[in-house]
Amino acid sequence: MRIAVDAMGGDFAPREVVEGAILAQTQLNVDIALVGDRDILANYLKQNGHRESDRLEIVPSEGIIEMEDEPLEGLRRKPNCSIAVAMNLVKRKQANAVISAGHSGAAMAAALLRLGRLPGVDRPAIGALFPTQIPHKPVLLLDVGANVDCRPKFLEQFAIMGSLYSKYAIGIQDPQVGLLNIGEEACKGNELALRVHQALQDNHQITFAGNAEGRDILKGQFDVIVCDGFAGNVVLKFAEGVGNAVMQILKEELPRGWRGKLGAMLLKPNLKKVKERIDADEYGGALLLGVAGVCVIGHGSSNAISIRNAIRVAKDAVDNDVLERIRGQIKPKISVPVDDLPDDPPT
């Protein structure tokens, strides 16, 4: 398996991206195509004791999409930027998947332009895994930022794609699907929520378990929760902040002096497990579901561990043939053509 890595994308690129890719190459047994400025990447590899090989290749690109750039305009001005070249490798079957921790809007736009949508999918969705109170039982939340405004059929498609991903990539036999809402009663919510609730209830491709309130996300009773990208992105950023706050509070509240050192030493294995369960880096990145290629979007502050785990997410999606599982499962409905719909600016 060969993974195309946008080596210039992210707050700590290329250092953390390259180190994470090398970790993945050795630990996950994948080949890596590092896409970026050849001189910068070659010098980094040399200075840090790494070398280019058949399994770790540098694919040259020109420029990057900066965070202040508008995605589509940036891709037009920089057709050979790192995310565009990486996406082209997947399009040409020269890589099985692509990951990027750079401009998420540019990554989504490049995926749509280069790879296109799967048949029947109106809007792709970014699906992020969250830990729950039940060990080794994550919940998939989608969309977490690709579509700020949604129509009911978009969320219905998210539910189908999320359920298939949960079943085949995570291994949950009968995924329980929930709709993020302000109450568990079917009559609660805005017009969108009410219409989506009815659509999910009538859809026989999924197991709809009802509305999920914000406090239910991490309980583990749902396997997939659908929402629009506005609410999903707020939840995603809030959850990352909570995880960081919890670890900081634990550090500050441990007793000081020799008692604190002794207690910390005794608790170290447990604290490590706590960190693994709530640390966003352990989940790596979010899969862009609905495009005709495996694309994983990492958060901008990704470190080497996060990049390594993002590549694991991509590898799992390829290994479990997620694209083919989704292909053909979403039937186009006779409605307003997608081209006539207003464009949602990716977040």
C-alpha atoms as a PDB file:
ATOM      1  CA  MET A   1       0.000   0.000   0.000  1.00  0.00           C
ATOM      2  CA  ARG A   2       1.252   3.474  -0.888  1.00  0.00           C
ATOM      3  CA  ILE A   3       0.053   6.578   0.966  1.00  0.00           C
ATOM      4  CA  ALA A   4       0.491  10.090  -0.450  1.00  0.00           C
ATOM      5  CA  VAL A   5       1.337  12.512   2.359  1.00  0.00           C
ATOM      6  CA  ASP A   6       1.039  16.283   2.009  1.00  0.00           C
ATOM      7  CA  ALA A   7       4.395  16.928   3.670  1.00  0.00           C
ATOM      8  CA  MET A   8       4.023  20.718   3.569  1.00  0.00           C
ATOM      9  CA  GLY A   9       0.595  20.861   5.251  1.00  0.00           C
ATOM     10  CA  GLY A  10       0.219  21.599   8.960  1.00  0.00           C
ATOM     11  CA  ASP A  11       1.503  23.930  11.655  1.00  0.00           C
ATOM     12  CA  PHE A  12       4.609  21.806  12.239  1.00  0.00           C
ATOM     13  CA  ALA A  13       5.357  20.724   8.678  1.00  0.00           C
ATOM     14  CA  PRO A  14       7.533  19.303   7.393  1.00  0.00           C
ATOM     15  CA  ARG A  15       9.222  18.060  10.589  1.00  0.00           C
ATOM     16  CA  GLU A  16       6.288  16.368  12.354  1.00  0.00           C
ATOM     17  CA  VAL A  17       4.674  15.247   9.106  1.00  0.00           C
ATOM     18  CA  VAL A  18       7.826  13.521   7.876  1.00  0.00           C
ATOM     19  CA  GLU A  19       8.552  11.910  11.252  1.00  0.00           C
ATOM     20  CA  GLY A  20       4.962  10.650  11.468  1.00  0.00           C
ATOM     21  CA  ALA A  21       5.149   9.262   7.931  1.00  0.00           C
ATOM     22  CA  ILE A  22       8.372   7.419   8.750  1.00  0.00           C
ATOM     23  CA  LEU A  23       6.757   5.982  11.899  1.00  0.00           C
ATOM     24  CA  ALA A  24       3.855   4.742   9.781  1.00  0.00           C
ATOM     25  CA  GLN A  25       6.181   3.227   7.198  1.00  0.00           C
ATOM     26  CA  THR A  26       7.949   1.112   9.789  1.00  0.00           C
ATOM     27  CA  GLN A  27       5.030   0.333  12.136  1.00  0.00           C
ATOM     28  CA  LEU A  28       2.193  -0.067   9.625  1.00  0.00           C
ATOM     29  CA  ASN A  29       4.212  -1.515   6.724  1.00  0.00           C
ATOM     30  CA  VAL A  30       3.132   1.041   4.122  1.00  0.00           C
ATOM     31  CA  ASP A  31       5.033   2.854   1.380  1.00  0.00           C
ATOM     32  CA  ILE A  32       5.090   6.634   1.618  1.00  0.00           C
ATOM     33  CA  ALA A  33       5.107   9.333  -1.050  1.00  0.00           C
ATOM     34  CA  LEU A  34       6.187  12.595   0.606  1.00  0.00           C
ATOM     35  CA  VAL A  35       4.743  15.413  -1.499  1.00  0.00           C
ATOM     36  CA  GLY A  36       6.395  18.799  -1.175  1.00  0.00           C
ATOM     37  CA  ASP A  37       9.415  20.949  -1.909  1.00  0.00           C
ATOM     38  CA  ARG A  38      12.139  18.497  -2.967  1.00  0.00           C
ATOM     39  CA  ASP A  39      15.070  20.539  -1.585  1.00  0.00           C
ATOM     40  CA  ILE A  40      13.447  21.112   1.800  1.00  0.00           C
ATOM     41  CA  LEU A  41      12.391  17.481   2.214  1.00  0.00           C
ATOM     42  CA  ALA A  42      15.689  16.030   0.947  1.00  0.00           C
ATOM     43  CA  ASN A  43      17.665  18.252   3.332  1.00  0.00           C
ATOM     44  CA  TYR A  44      15.449  17.301   6.247  1.00  0.00           C
ATOM     45  CA  LEU A  45      15.824  13.578   5.565  1.00  0.00           C
ATOM     46  CA  LYS A  46      19.599  13.922   5.287  1.00  0.00           C
ATOM     47  CA  GLN A  47      19.986  16.021   8.441  1.00  0.00           C
ATOM     48  CA  ASN A  48      17.917  13.602  10.510  1.00  0.00           C
ATOM     49  CA  GLY A  49      19.499  10.347   9.384  1.00  0.00           C
ATOM     50  CA  HIS A  50      16.791   9.278   6.958  1.00  0.00           C
ATOM     51  CA  ARG A  51      17.137   8.608   3.271  1.00  0.00           C
ATOM     52  CA  GLU A  52      14.939   8.365   0.242  1.00  0.00           C
ATOM     53  CA  SER A  53      14.201   4.851  -0.990  1.00  0.00           C
ATOM     54  CA  ASP A  54      11.695   2.811  -2.977  1.00  0.00           C
ATOM     55  CA  ARG A  55       9.446   2.835   0.092  1.00  0.00           C
ATOM     56  CA  LEU A  56       9.987   6.486   1.044  1.00  0.00           C
ATOM     57  CA  GLU A  57       9.883   8.634  -2.069  1.00  0.00           C
ATOM     58  CA  ILE A  58       9.826  12.412  -2.452  1.00  0.00           C
ATOM     59  CA  VAL A  59       7.311  13.641  -5.043  1.00  0.00           C
ATOM     60  CA  PRO A  60       8.071  17.292  -5.907  1.00  0.00           C
ATOM     61  CA  SER A  61       5.408  20.001  -5.786  1.00  0.00           C
ATOM     62  CA  GLU A  62       5.377  23.787  -6.041  1.00  0.00           C
ATOM     63  CA  GLY A  63       3.911  25.904  -3.260  1.00  0.00           C
ATOM     64  CA  ILE A  64       1.243  25.335  -0.616  1.00  0.00           C
ATOM     65  CA  ILE A  65      -2.247  26.635   0.069  1.00  0.00           C
ATOM     66  CA  GLU A  66      -1.898  29.087   2.977  1.00  0.00           C
ATOM     67  CA  MET A  67      -4.565  29.201   5.685  1.00  0.00           C
ATOM     68  CA  GLU A  68      -5.702  32.654   4.560  1.00  0.00           C
ATOM     69  CA  ASP A  69      -6.156  31.487   0.946  1.00  0.00           C
ATOM     70  CA  GLU A  70      -9.640  30.855  -0.416  1.00  0.00           C
ATOM     71  CA  PRO A  71      -9.590  27.121  -1.331  1.00  0.00           C
ATOM     72  CA  LEU A  72     -10.740  27.163  -4.958  1.00  0.00           C
ATOM     73  CA  GLU A  73      -8.863  30.330  -5.854  1.00  0.00           C
ATOM     74  CA  GLY A  74      -5.721  28.969  -4.190  1.00  0.00           C
ATOM     75  CA  LEU A  75      -5.924  25.750  -6.204  1.00  0.00           C
ATOM     76  CA  ARG A  76      -6.390  27.709  -9.430  1.00  0.00           C
ATOM     77  CA  ARG A  77      -3.365  29.904  -8.728  1.00  0.00           C
ATOM     78  CA  LYS A  78      -1.224  27.004  -7.516  1.00  0.00           C
ATOM     79  CA  PRO A  79      -2.186  23.969  -9.619  1.00  0.00           C
ATOM     80  CA  ASN A  80       0.996  22.127  -8.614  1.00  0.00           C
ATOM     81  CA  CYS A  81       0.773  22.777  -4.864  1.00  0.00           C
ATOM     82  CA  SER A  82       1.402  19.920  -2.455  1.00  0.00           C
ATOM     83  CA  ILE A  83      -2.239  18.953  -1.776  1.00  0.00           C
ATOM     84  CA  ALA A  84      -3.107  19.027  -5.503  1.00  0.00           C
ATOM     85  CA  VAL A  85      -0.130  16.845  -6.458  1.00  0.00           C
ATOM     86  CA  ALA A  86      -0.898  14.413  -3.609  1.00  0.00           C
ATOM     87  CA  MET A  87      -4.524  14.157  -4.723  1.00  0.00           C
ATOM     88  CA  ASN A  88      -3.430  13.553  -8.314  1.00  0.00           C
ATOM     89  CA  LEU A  89      -1.389  10.534  -7.180  1.00  0.00           C
ATOM     90  CA  VAL A  90      -4.603   8.935  -5.918  1.00  0.00           C
ATOM     91  CA  LYS A  91      -6.503   9.905  -9.062  1.00  0.00           C
ATOM     92  CA  ARG A  92      -3.820   8.278 -11.257  1.00  0.00           C
ATOM     93  CA  LYS A  93      -3.774   5.120  -9.086  1.00  0.00           C
ATOM     94  CA  GLN A  94      -0.186   5.897  -8.040  1.00  0.00           C
ATOM     95  CA  ALA A  95      -1.261   5.994  -4.380  1.00  0.00           C
ATOM     96  CA  ASN A  96      -4.056   4.268  -2.470  1.00  0.00           C
ATOM     97  CA  ALA A  97      -4.886   7.201  -0.190  1.00  0.00           C
ATOM     98  CA  VAL A  98      -3.910  10.757   0.685  1.00  0.00           C
ATOM     99  CA  ILE A  99      -3.574  12.520   4.040  1.00  0.00           C
ATOM    100  CA  SER A 100      -3.129  16.210   4.786  1.00  0.00           C
ATOM    101  CA  ALA A 101      -2.944  18.305   7.948  1.00  0.00           C
ATOM    102  CA  GLY A 102      -2.946  21.536   5.960  1.00  0.00           C
ATOM    103  CA  HIS A 103      -5.817  23.745   4.808  1.00  0.00           C
ATOM    104  CA  SER A 104      -8.873  21.486   5.295  1.00  0.00           C
ATOM    105  CA  GLY A 105     -10.987  23.500   2.879  1.00  0.00           C
ATOM    106  CA  ALA A 106      -8.314  23.137   0.200  1.00  0.00           C
ATOM    107  CA  ALA A 107      -8.058  19.400   0.867  1.00  0.00           C
ATOM    108  CA  MET A 108     -11.795  18.982   0.415  1.00  0.00           C
ATOM    109  CA  ALA A 109     -11.871  21.192  -2.689  1.00  0.00           C
ATOM    110  CA  ALA A 110      -8.925  19.294  -4.212  1.00  0.00           C
ATOM    111  CA  ALA A 111     -10.638  15.966  -3.479  1.00  0.00           C
ATOM    112  CA  LEU A 112     -13.834  17.112  -5.188  1.00  0.00           C
ATOM    113  CA  LEU A 113     -11.997  18.548  -8.200  1.00  0.00           C
ATOM    114  CA  ARG A 114      -9.509  15.695  -8.677  1.00  0.00           C
ATOM    115  CA  LEU A 115     -11.416  12.647  -7.419  1.00  0.00           C
ATOM    116  CA  GLY A 116     -15.079  13.614  -7.721  1.00  0.00           C
ATOM    117  CA  ARG A 117     -18.025  12.304  -5.703  1.00  0.00           C
ATOM    118  CA  LEU A 118     -19.191   8.729  -5.399  1.00  0.00           C
ATOM    119  CA  PRO A 119     -22.407   8.019  -7.356  1.00  0.00           C
ATOM    120  CA  GLY A 120     -25.486   9.293  -5.556  1.00  0.00           C
ATOM    121  CA  VAL A 121     -23.560  11.394  -3.010  1.00  0.00           C
ATOM    122  CA  ASP A 122     -24.622  15.037  -3.053  1.00  0.00           C
ATOM    123  CA  ARG A 123     -22.133  16.321  -0.480  1.00  0.00           C
ATOM    124  CA  PRO A 124     -19.128  14.569   1.069  1.00  0.00           C
ATOM    125  CA  ALA A 125     -18.826  14.679   4.858  1.00  0.00           C
ATOM    126  CA  ILE A 126     -15.877  14.708   7.225  1.00  0.00           C
ATOM    127  CA  GLY A 127     -16.266  11.925   9.785  1.00  0.00           C
ATOM    128  CA  ALA A 128     -14.328  12.160  13.062  1.00  0.00           C
ATOM    129  CA  LEU A 129     -13.959   9.439  15.681  1.00  0.00           C
ATOM    130  CA  PHE A 130     -14.451  10.335  19.351  1.00  0.00           C
ATOM    131  CA  PRO A 131     -13.660   8.209  22.412  1.00  0.00           C
ATOM    132  CA  THR A 132     -16.572   7.124  24.598  1.00  0.00           C
ATOM    133  CA  GLN A 133     -17.061   5.905  28.153  1.00  0.00           C
ATOM    134  CA  ILE A 134     -16.889   2.349  26.809  1.00  0.00           C
ATOM    135  CA  PRO A 135     -13.271   1.271  26.153  1.00  0.00           C
ATOM    136  CA  HIS A 136     -12.390   0.571  22.515  1.00  0.00           C
ATOM    137  CA  LYS A 137     -15.827   1.722  21.319  1.00  0.00           C
ATOM    138  CA  PRO A 138     -15.478   5.054  19.498  1.00  0.00           C
ATOM    139  CA  VAL A 139     -18.367   7.037  18.060  1.00  0.00           C
ATOM    140  CA  LEU A 140     -18.278   8.479  14.546  1.00  0.00           C
ATOM    141  CA  LEU A 141     -19.574  12.045  14.248  1.00  0.00           C
ATOM    142  CA  LEU A 142     -20.281  13.497  10.813  1.00  0.00           C
ATOM    143  CA  ASP A 143     -20.228  16.062   9.390  1.00  0.00           C
ATOM    144  CA  VAL A 144     -17.587  17.985  11.383  1.00  0.00           C
ATOM    145  CA  GLY A 145     -16.973  20.866   9.022  1.00  0.00           C
ATOM    146  CA  ALA A 146     -17.389  20.168   5.324  1.00  0.00           C
ATOM    147  CA  ASN A 147     -20.986  21.443   4.980  1.00  0.00           C
ATOM    148  CA  VAL A 148     -22.056  24.355   7.141  1.00  0.00           C
ATOM    149  CA  ASP A 149     -25.627  24.371   5.805  1.00  0.00           C
ATOM    150  CA  CYS A 150     -27.318  21.072   5.041  1.00  0.00           C
ATOM    151  CA  ARG A 151     -30.482  19.753   3.443  1.00  0.00           C
ATOM    152  CA  PRO A 152     -32.270  16.742   4.966  1.00  0.00           C
ATOM    153  CA  LYS A 153     -31.093  14.386   2.217  1.00  0.00           C
ATOM    154  CA  PHE A 154     -27.468  15.323   2.944  1.00  0.00           C
ATOM    155  CA  LEU A 155     -27.762  14.147   6.556  1.00  0.00           C
ATOM    156  CA  GLU A 156     -29.586  11.010   5.432  1.00  0.00           C
ATOM    157  CA  GLN A 157     -26.641  10.231   3.140  1.00  0.00           C
ATOM    158  CA  PHE A 158     -24.194  10.963   5.978  1.00  0.00           C
ATOM    159  CA  ALA A 159     -26.042   8.390   8.084  1.00  0.00           C
ATOM    160  CA  ILE A 160     -25.744   5.712   5.391  1.00  0.00           C
ATOM    161  CA  MET A 161     -22.035   6.390   4.764  1.00  0.00           C
ATOM    162  CA  GLY A 162     -21.276   6.574   8.480  1.00  0.00           C
ATOM    163  CA  SER A 163     -23.103   3.335   9.174  1.00  0.00           C
ATOM    164  CA  LEU A 164     -21.198   1.502   6.423  1.00  0.00           C
ATOM    165  CA  TYR A 165     -17.863   2.895   7.636  1.00  0.00           C
ATOM    166  CA  SER A 166     -18.650   1.941  11.224  1.00  0.00           C
ATOM    167  CA  LYS A 167     -19.603  -1.588  10.174  1.00  0.00           C
ATOM    168  CA  TYR A 168     -16.728  -2.402   7.832  1.00  0.00           C
ATOM    169  CA  ALA A 169     -13.824  -0.272   9.077  1.00  0.00           C
ATOM    170  CA  ILE A 170     -14.499  -0.284  12.822  1.00  0.00           C
ATOM    171  CA  GLY A 171     -16.140  -3.702  12.983  1.00  0.00           C
ATOM    172  CA  ILE A 172     -19.500  -2.851  14.584  1.00  0.00           C
ATOM    173  CA  GLN A 173     -22.035  -5.384  13.341  1.00  0.00           C
ATOM    174  CA  ASP A 174     -25.192  -3.288  13.690  1.00  0.00           C
ATOM    175  CA  PRO A 175     -24.221   0.406  14.073  1.00  0.00           C
ATOM    176  CA  GLN A 176     -26.703   2.458  16.071  1.00  0.00           C
ATOM    177  CA  VAL A 177     -27.274   5.778  14.311  1.00  0.00           C
ATOM    178  CA  GLY A 178     -28.313   8.928  16.165  1.00  0.00           C
ATOM    179  CA  LEU A 179     -29.272  12.449  15.126  1.00  0.00           C
ATOM    180  CA  LEU A 180     -27.656  15.268  17.114  1.00  0.00           C
ATOM    181  CA  ASN A 181     -30.478  17.307  18.599  1.00  0.00           C
ATOM    182  CA  ILE A 182     -31.511  19.411  21.604  1.00  0.00           C
ATOM    183  CA  GLY A 183     -33.716  16.679  23.054  1.00  0.00           C
ATOM    184  CA  GLU A 184     -34.364  12.967  22.739  1.00  0.00           C
ATOM    185  CA  GLU A 185     -38.047  13.363  21.861  1.00  0.00           C
ATOM    186  CA  ALA A 186     -38.943  13.046  18.168  1.00  0.00           C
ATOM    187  CA  CYS A 187     -40.800  16.383  18.290  1.00  0.00           C
ATOM    188  CA  LYS A 188     -37.724  18.369  19.404  1.00  0.00           C
ATOM    189  CA  GLY A 189     -35.433  20.462  17.234  1.00  0.00           C
ATOM    190  CA  ASN A 190     -35.594  22.879  14.334  1.00  0.00           C
ATOM    191  CA  GLU A 191     -37.212  22.202  10.966  1.00  0.00           C
ATOM    192  CA  LEU A 192     -34.090  20.477   9.631  1.00  0.00           C
ATOM    193  CA  ALA A 193     -33.915  18.139  12.630  1.00  0.00           C
ATOM    194  CA  LEU A 194     -37.598  17.240  12.388  1.00  0.00           C
ATOM    195  CA  ARG A 195     -37.378  16.414   8.688  1.00  0.00           C
ATOM    196  CA  VAL A 196     -34.142  14.434   9.088  1.00  0.00           C
ATOM    197  CA  HIS A 197     -35.583  12.485  12.029  1.00  0.00           C
ATOM    198  CA  GLN A 198     -38.475  11.290   9.875  1.00  0.00           C
ATOM    199  CA  ALA A 199     -36.171  10.444   6.950  1.00  0.00           C
ATOM    200  CA  LEU A 200     -33.821   8.394   9.149  1.00  0.00           C
ATOM    201  CA  GLN A 201     -36.759   6.621  10.753  1.00  0.00           C
ATOM    202  CA  ASP A 202     -38.039   5.600   7.318  1.00  0.00           C
ATOM    203  CA  ASN A 203     -34.638   4.525   5.958  1.00  0.00           C
ATOM    204  CA  HIS A 204     -34.224   0.744   6.082  1.00  0.00           C
ATOM    205  CA  GLN A 205     -30.481   0.860   5.266  1.00  0.00           C
ATOM    206  CA  ILE A 206     -29.594   1.988   8.782  1.00  0.00           C
ATOM    207  CA  THR A 207     -30.560   1.226  12.372  1.00  0.00           C
ATOM    208  CA  PHE A 208     -31.862   4.548  13.644  1.00  0.00           C
ATOM    209  CA  ALA A 209     -31.723   4.816  17.439  1.00  0.00           C
ATOM    210  CA  GLY A 210     -33.281   8.278  17.774  1.00  0.00           C
ATOM    211  CA  ASN A 211     -32.046  11.704  18.790  1.00  0.00           C
ATOM    212  CA  ALA A 212     -28.723  12.147  20.556  1.00  0.00           C
ATOM    213  CA  GLU A 213     -28.240  15.079  22.920  1.00  0.00           C
ATOM    214  CA  GLY A 214     -24.822  16.643  23.382  1.00  0.00           C
ATOM    215  CA  ARG A 215     -24.260  14.709  26.617  1.00  0.00           C
ATOM    216  CA  ASP A 216     -24.949  11.430  24.784  1.00  0.00           C
ATOM    217  CA  ILE A 217     -22.078  11.769  22.308  1.00  0.00           C
ATOM    218  CA  LEU A 218     -19.476  10.226  24.605  1.00  0.00           C
ATOM    219  CA  LYS A 219     -21.714   7.709  26.418  1.00  0.00           C
ATOM    220  CA  GLY A 220     -21.202   4.966  23.847  1.00  0.00           C
ATOM    221  CA  GLN A 221     -24.881   4.183  23.217  1.00  0.00           C
ATOM    222  CA  PHE A 222     -24.582   5.473  19.635  1.00  0.00           C
ATOM    223  CA  ASP A 223     -22.033   4.301  17.058  1.00  0.00           C
ATOM    224  CA  VAL A 224     -22.743   7.028  14.490  1.00  0.00           C
ATOM    225  CA  ILE A 225     -24.149  10.511  15.093  1.00  0.00           C
ATOM    226  CA  VAL A 226     -25.084  12.811  12.215  1.00  0.00           C
ATOM    227  CA  CYS A 227     -25.325  16.594  12.205  1.00  0.00           C
ATOM    228  CA  ASP A 228     -24.583  19.560   9.963  1.00  0.00           C
ATOM    229  CA  GLY A 229     -20.992  20.723   9.631  1.00  0.00           C
ATOM    230  CA  PHE A 230     -21.536  23.836  11.740  1.00  0.00           C
ATOM    231  CA  ALA A 231     -22.635  21.957  14.853  1.00  0.00           C
ATOM    232  CA  GLY A 232     -20.166  19.140  14.191  1.00  0.00           C
ATOM    233  CA  ASN A 233     -17.188  21.456  13.965  1.00  0.00           C
ATOM    234  CA  VAL A 234     -18.167  23.191  17.205  1.00  0.00           C
ATOM    235  CA  VAL A 235     -18.395  19.791  18.940  1.00  0.00           C
ATOM    236  CA  LEU A 236     -15.032  18.702  17.483  1.00  0.00           C
ATOM    237  CA  LYS A 237     -13.149  21.803  18.642  1.00  0.00           C
ATOM    238  CA  PHE A 238     -14.861  21.727  22.054  1.00  0.00           C
ATOM    239  CA  ALA A 239     -13.932  18.065  22.567  1.00  0.00           C
ATOM    240  CA  GLU A 240     -10.292  18.755  21.706  1.00  0.00           C
ATOM    241  CA  GLY A 241     -10.287  21.604  24.220  1.00  0.00           C
ATOM    242  CA  VAL A 242     -11.850  19.447  26.947  1.00  0.00           C
ATOM    243  CA  GLY A 243      -9.234  16.731  26.437  1.00  0.00           C
ATOM    244  CA  ASN A 244      -6.385  19.227  26.778  1.00  0.00           C
ATOM    245  CA  ALA A 245      -8.016  20.846  29.816  1.00  0.00           C
ATOM    246  CA  VAL A 246      -8.503  17.517  31.609  1.00  0.00           C
ATOM    247  CA  MET A 247      -4.833  16.574  31.181  1.00  0.00           C
ATOM    248  CA  GLN A 248      -3.709  20.017  32.344  1.00  0.00           C
ATOM    249  CA  ILE A 249      -5.956  19.861  35.430  1.00  0.00           C
ATOM    250  CA  LEU A 250      -4.606  16.416  36.321  1.00  0.00           C
ATOM    251  CA  LYS A 251      -1.039  17.721  36.139  1.00  0.00           C
ATOM    252  CA  GLU A 252      -1.826  20.774  38.273  1.00  0.00           C
ATOM    253  CA  GLU A 253      -3.828  18.939  40.921  1.00  0.00           C
ATOM    254  CA  LEU A 254      -1.343  16.131  41.617  1.00  0.00           C
ATOM    255  CA  PRO A 255       0.273  16.734  45.037  1.00  0.00           C
ATOM    256  CA  ARG A 256       3.699  18.336  45.027  1.00  0.00           C
ATOM    257  CA  GLY A 257       6.825  17.176  46.853  1.00  0.00           C
ATOM    258  CA  TRP A 258       7.875  13.583  47.457  1.00  0.00           C
ATOM    259  CA  ARG A 259       4.280  12.441  47.999  1.00  0.00           C
ATOM    260  CA  GLY A 260       3.318  13.860  44.628  1.00  0.00           C
ATOM    261  CA  LYS A 261       6.266  12.207  42.906  1.00  0.00           C
ATOM    262  CA  LEU A 262       5.453   8.867  44.518  1.00  0.00           C
ATOM    263  CA  GLY A 263       1.771   9.170  43.648  1.00  0.00           C
ATOM    264  CA  ALA A 264       2.559  10.171  40.065  1.00  0.00           C
ATOM    265  CA  MET A 265       4.881   7.191  39.722  1.00  0.00           C
ATOM    266  CA  LEU A 266       2.185   4.821  40.978  1.00  0.00           C
ATOM    267  CA  LEU A 267      -0.467   6.407  38.764  1.00  0.00           C
ATOM    268  CA  LYS A 268       1.707   6.697  35.652  1.00  0.00           C
ATOM    269  CA  PRO A 269       0.293   3.590  33.871  1.00  0.00           C
ATOM    270  CA  ASN A 270      -3.284   4.730  34.568  1.00  0.00           C
ATOM    271  CA  LEU A 271      -2.591   8.320  33.493  1.00  0.00           C
ATOM    272  CA  LYS A 272      -1.065   7.025  30.278  1.00  0.00           C
ATOM    273  CA  LYS A 273      -4.249   5.064  29.551  1.00  0.00           C
ATOM    274  CA  VAL A 274      -6.363   8.144  30.319  1.00  0.00           C
ATOM    275  CA  LYS A 275      -4.290  10.181  27.866  1.00  0.00           C
ATOM    276  CA  GLU A 276      -4.606   7.521  25.165  1.00  0.00           C
ATOM    277  CA  ARG A 277      -8.397   7.476  25.521  1.00  0.00           C
ATOM    278  CA  ILE A 278      -8.984  11.245  25.382  1.00  0.00           C
ATOM    279  CA  ASP A 279      -6.045  12.501  23.319  1.00  0.00           C
ATOM    280  CA  ALA A 280      -7.091  13.663  19.835  1.00  0.00           C
ATOM    281  CA  ASP A 281      -3.667  12.628  18.506  1.00  0.00           C
ATOM    282  CA  GLU A 282      -4.546   8.979  19.110  1.00  0.00           C
ATOM    283  CA  TYR A 283      -7.371   9.224  16.575  1.00  0.00           C
ATOM    284  CA  GLY A 284      -5.193  10.847  13.919  1.00  0.00           C
ATOM    285  CA  GLY A 285      -7.529  12.378  11.401  1.00  0.00           C
ATOM    286  CA  ALA A 286     -10.999  12.470   9.929  1.00  0.00           C
ATOM    287  CA  LEU A 287     -11.990  10.556   6.813  1.00  0.00           C
ATOM    288  CA  LEU A 288     -13.648  12.506   4.004  1.00  0.00           C
ATOM    289  CA  LEU A 289     -16.544  10.203   3.163  1.00  0.00           C
ATOM    290  CA  GLY A 290     -18.311  10.468  -0.175  1.00  0.00           C
ATOM    291  CA  VAL A 291     -15.423  11.245  -2.542  1.00  0.00           C
ATOM    292  CA  ALA A 292     -14.085   8.681  -5.007  1.00  0.00           C
ATOM    293  CA  GLY A 293     -10.813   8.161  -3.177  1.00  0.00           C
ATOM    294  CA  VAL A 294      -9.554   7.686   0.377  1.00  0.00           C
ATOM    295  CA  CYS A 295      -8.736  11.102   1.844  1.00  0.00           C
ATOM    296  CA  VAL A 296      -7.929  11.763   5.515  1.00  0.00           C
ATOM    297  CA  ILE A 297      -7.836  15.292   6.924  1.00  0.00           C
ATOM    298  CA  GLY A 298      -5.745  15.867  10.053  1.00  0.00           C
ATOM    299  CA  HIS A 299      -5.927  18.834  12.392  1.00  0.00           C
ATOM    300  CA  GLY A 300      -3.460  21.641  11.755  1.00  0.00           C
ATOM    301  CA  SER A 301      -1.527  21.094  14.988  1.00  0.00           C
ATOM    302  CA  SER A 302      -0.852  17.428  14.190  1.00  0.00           C
ATOM    303  CA  ASN A 303       2.350  15.992  15.639  1.00  0.00           C
ATOM    304  CA  ALA A 304       4.196  12.890  14.474  1.00  0.00           C
ATOM    305  CA  ILE A 305       1.934  10.534  16.453  1.00  0.00           C
ATOM    306  CA  SER A 306      -1.170  12.146  14.992  1.00  0.00           C
ATOM    307  CA  ILE A 307       0.206  11.875  11.443  1.00  0.00           C
ATOM    308  CA  ARG A 308       1.079   8.234  12.016  1.00  0.00           C
ATOM    309  CA  ASN A 309      -2.456   7.563  13.230  1.00  0.00           C
ATOM    310  CA  ALA A 310      -3.994   9.505  10.333  1.00  0.00           C
ATOM    311  CA  ILE A 311      -2.140   7.157   7.996  1.00  0.00           C
ATOM    312  CA  ARG A 312      -3.549   4.244  10.018  1.00  0.00           C
ATOM    313  CA  VAL A 313      -7.080   5.594   9.433  1.00  0.00           C
ATOM    314  CA  ALA A 314      -6.353   5.769   5.699  1.00  0.00           C
ATOM    315  CA  LYS A 315      -4.869   2.261   5.670  1.00  0.00           C
ATOM    316  CA  ASP A 316      -7.886   0.835   7.513  1.00  0.00           C
ATOM    317  CA  ALA A 317     -10.250   2.449   5.003  1.00  0.00           C
ATOM    318  CA  VAL A 318      -8.322   0.924   2.089  1.00  0.00           C
ATOM    319  CA  ASP A 319      -7.933  -2.484   3.756  1.00  0.00           C
ATOM    320  CA  ASN A 320     -11.658  -2.681   4.437  1.00  0.00           C
ATOM    321  CA  ASP A 321     -12.640  -1.429   0.968  1.00  0.00           C
ATOM    322  CA  VAL A 322     -14.817   1.329   2.420  1.00  0.00           C
ATOM    323  CA  LEU A 323     -15.246   3.124  -0.915  1.00  0.00           C
ATOM    324  CA  GLU A 324     -16.661   0.074  -2.643  1.00  0.00           C
ATOM    325  CA  ARG A 325     -18.923  -0.631   0.340  1.00  0.00           C
ATOM    326  CA  ILE A 326     -20.434   2.860  -0.036  1.00  0.00           C
ATOM    327  CA  ARG A 327     -20.505   2.873  -3.841  1.00  0.00           C
ATOM    328  CA  GLY A 328     -23.981   2.125  -5.102  1.00  0.00           C
ATOM    329  CA  GLN A 329     -25.596   2.194  -1.660  1.00  0.00           C
ATOM    330  CA  ILE A 330     -26.826   5.777  -2.007  1.00  0.00           C
ATOM    331  CA  LYS A 331     -29.481   6.044  -4.694  1.00  0.00           C
ATOM    332  CA  PRO A 332     -29.854   9.423  -6.392  1.00  0.00           C
ATOM    333  CA  LYS A 333     -33.231  11.027  -5.797  1.00  0.00           C
ATOM    334  CA  ILE A 334     -35.124  13.037  -8.395  1.00  0.00           C
ATOM    335  CA  SER A 335     -34.737  16.560  -7.085  1.00  0.00           C
ATOM    336  CA  VAL A 336     -32.941  19.822  -7.750  1.00  0.00           C
ATOM    337  CA  PRO A 337     -29.611  19.108  -9.506  1.00  0.00           C
ATOM    338  CA  VAL A 338     -26.612  19.422  -7.190  1.00  0.00           C
ATOM    339  CA  ASP A 339     -24.999  21.891  -9.587  1.00  0.00           C
ATOM    340  CA  ASP A 340     -27.902  24.270  -8.910  1.00  0.00           C
ATOM    341  CA  LEU A 341     -27.383  24.188  -5.157  1.00  0.00           C
ATOM    342  CA  PRO A 342     -25.485  27.035  -3.457  1.00  0.00           C
ATOM    343  CA  ASP A 343     -21.881  26.145  -2.633  1.00  0.00           C
ATOM    344  CA  ASP A 344     -21.028  25.700   1.037  1.00  0.00           C
ATOM    345  CA  PRO A 345     -17.579  27.154   1.786  1.00  0.00           C
ATOM    346  CA  PRO A 346     -15.561  24.372   3.472  1.00  0.00           C
ATOM    347  CA  THR A 347     -14.406  25.285   6.981  1.00  0.00           C
END
